[in-house]
Amino acid sequence: MEYTCAEYRIEMILLNLKRRLQHEGLGEKEKGDILLQIKKLEAKMGLE
């Protein structure tokens, strides 16, 4: 199985989003948006 640049890019975006969730002072709407993006990316990578 080959690990592509696209997969690496998605993985880095996912890690960044998860880090953003750790920040204090994050609004509920922004937190919800980030969680939605994470869910979409995990589905795209087959991590659900």
N, C-alpha and C. Protein backbone atom coordinates (compact mmCIF):
# COMPACT_ATOMS: atom_id res chain seq x y z
N MET A 1 0.84 -1.17 0.00
CA MET A 1 0.00 0.00 0.00
C MET A 1 0.88 1.24 0.00
N GLU A 2 0.56 2.18 -0.87
CA GLU A 2 1.34 3.38 -1.01
C GLU A 2 0.72 4.53 -0.22
N TYR A 3 1.54 5.33 0.41
CA TYR A 3 1.11 6.50 1.18
C TYR A 3 1.32 7.71 0.29
N THR A 4 0.22 8.36 -0.11
CA THR A 4 0.32 9.44 -1.09
C THR A 4 0.44 10.81 -0.42
N CYS A 5 0.81 11.79 -1.22
CA CYS A 5 0.90 13.17 -0.74
C CYS A 5 -0.47 13.67 -0.28
N ALA A 6 -1.51 13.28 -0.98
CA ALA A 6 -2.87 13.70 -0.63
C ALA A 6 -3.25 13.14 0.74
N GLU A 7 -2.90 11.91 1.01
CA GLU A 7 -3.19 11.30 2.31
C GLU A 7 -2.41 12.00 3.42
N TYR A 8 -1.17 12.32 3.14
CA TYR A 8 -0.34 13.02 4.11
C TYR A 8 -0.94 14.40 4.42
N ARG A 9 -1.36 15.08 3.38
CA ARG A 9 -1.95 16.41 3.54
C ARG A 9 -3.21 16.35 4.41
N ILE A 10 -4.08 15.40 4.13
CA ILE A 10 -5.30 15.25 4.92
C ILE A 10 -4.96 14.93 6.37
N GLU A 11 -3.96 14.09 6.58
CA GLU A 11 -3.55 13.73 7.93
C GLU A 11 -3.04 14.96 8.69
N MET A 12 -2.27 15.81 8.04
CA MET A 12 -1.74 17.01 8.68
C MET A 12 -2.87 18.01 9.00
N ILE A 13 -3.83 18.13 8.11
CA ILE A 13 -4.99 19.00 8.36
C ILE A 13 -5.76 18.48 9.56
N LEU A 14 -5.95 17.17 9.62
CA LEU A 14 -6.68 16.55 10.73
C LEU A 14 -5.96 16.80 12.05
N LEU A 15 -4.66 16.64 12.08
CA LEU A 15 -3.89 16.89 13.30
C LEU A 15 -4.00 18.34 13.74
N ASN A 16 -3.95 19.26 12.78
CA ASN A 16 -4.07 20.68 13.09
C ASN A 16 -5.44 21.00 13.68
N LEU A 17 -6.48 20.43 13.12
CA LEU A 17 -7.83 20.66 13.64
C LEU A 17 -7.96 20.14 15.06
N LYS A 18 -7.38 18.98 15.33
CA LYS A 18 -7.44 18.41 16.68
C LYS A 18 -6.67 19.28 17.67
N ARG A 19 -5.57 19.87 17.24
CA ARG A 19 -4.81 20.79 18.09
C ARG A 19 -5.63 22.04 18.39
N ARG A 20 -6.34 22.55 17.38
CA ARG A 20 -7.16 23.74 17.57
C ARG A 20 -8.25 23.51 18.61
N LEU A 21 -8.75 22.29 18.71
CA LEU A 21 -9.77 21.97 19.70
C LEU A 21 -9.24 22.10 21.13
N GLN A 22 -7.94 21.99 21.30
CA GLN A 22 -7.33 22.05 22.62
C GLN A 22 -7.23 23.48 23.17
N HIS A 23 -7.37 24.49 22.30
CA HIS A 23 -7.23 25.88 22.72
C HIS A 23 -8.40 26.32 23.59
N GLU A 24 -8.07 27.00 24.66
CA GLU A 24 -9.10 27.56 25.53
C GLU A 24 -9.69 28.80 24.86
N GLY A 25 -10.90 29.13 25.23
CA GLY A 25 -11.54 30.30 24.68
C GLY A 25 -12.16 30.07 23.31
N LEU A 26 -12.27 28.84 22.93
CA LEU A 26 -12.86 28.49 21.64
C LEU A 26 -14.38 28.57 21.77
N GLY A 27 -15.01 29.32 20.88
CA GLY A 27 -16.46 29.45 20.93
C GLY A 27 -17.16 28.16 20.56
N GLU A 28 -18.40 28.03 21.01
CA GLU A 28 -19.16 26.80 20.74
C GLU A 28 -19.38 26.58 19.25
N LYS A 29 -19.65 27.66 18.51
CA LYS A 29 -19.87 27.52 17.07
C LYS A 29 -18.59 27.07 16.37
N GLU A 30 -17.47 27.70 16.74
CA GLU A 30 -16.19 27.33 16.13
C GLU A 30 -15.83 25.88 16.49
N LYS A 31 -16.08 25.51 17.73
CA LYS A 31 -15.80 24.13 18.16
C LYS A 31 -16.64 23.14 17.35
N GLY A 32 -17.91 23.47 17.15
CA GLY A 32 -18.79 22.61 16.36
C GLY A 32 -18.33 22.49 14.93
N ASP A 33 -17.89 23.63 14.36
CA ASP A 33 -17.39 23.63 12.98
C ASP A 33 -16.15 22.75 12.84
N ILE A 34 -15.25 22.86 13.81
CA ILE A 34 -14.02 22.06 13.79
C ILE A 34 -14.36 20.58 13.90
N LEU A 35 -15.27 20.24 14.82
CA LEU A 35 -15.65 18.83 14.98
C LEU A 35 -16.28 18.27 13.71
N LEU A 36 -17.06 19.09 13.03
CA LEU A 36 -17.67 18.67 11.76
C LEU A 36 -16.60 18.41 10.70
N GLN A 37 -15.63 19.31 10.62
CA GLN A 37 -14.53 19.13 9.66
C GLN A 37 -13.74 17.86 9.97
N ILE A 38 -13.49 17.63 11.25
CA ILE A 38 -12.75 16.42 11.66
C ILE A 38 -13.52 15.18 11.24
N LYS A 39 -14.82 15.18 11.50
CA LYS A 39 -15.65 14.03 11.15
C LYS A 39 -15.61 13.76 9.65
N LYS A 40 -15.68 14.81 8.84
CA LYS A 40 -15.64 14.66 7.38
C LYS A 40 -14.30 14.09 6.92
N LEU A 41 -13.21 14.62 7.47
CA LEU A 41 -11.88 14.15 7.08
C LEU A 41 -11.65 12.69 7.50
N GLU A 42 -12.11 12.35 8.71
CA GLU A 42 -11.97 10.97 9.16
C GLU A 42 -12.76 10.02 8.29
N ALA A 43 -13.93 10.44 7.85
CA ALA A 43 -14.74 9.62 6.94
C ALA A 43 -14.02 9.45 5.61
N LYS A 44 -13.42 10.53 5.13
CA LYS A 44 -12.70 10.49 3.86
C LYS A 44 -11.50 9.54 3.93
N MET A 45 -10.89 9.46 5.11
CA MET A 45 -9.74 8.59 5.29
C MET A 45 -10.14 7.19 5.72
N GLY A 46 -11.43 6.97 5.97
CA GLY A 46 -11.90 5.66 6.39
C GLY A 46 -11.60 5.36 7.84
N LEU A 47 -11.57 6.38 8.69
CA LEU A 47 -11.25 6.21 10.10
C LEU A 47 -12.48 6.18 10.99
N GLU A 48 -13.64 6.21 10.45
CA GLU A 48 -14.86 6.22 11.26
C GLU A 48 -15.01 4.97 12.07
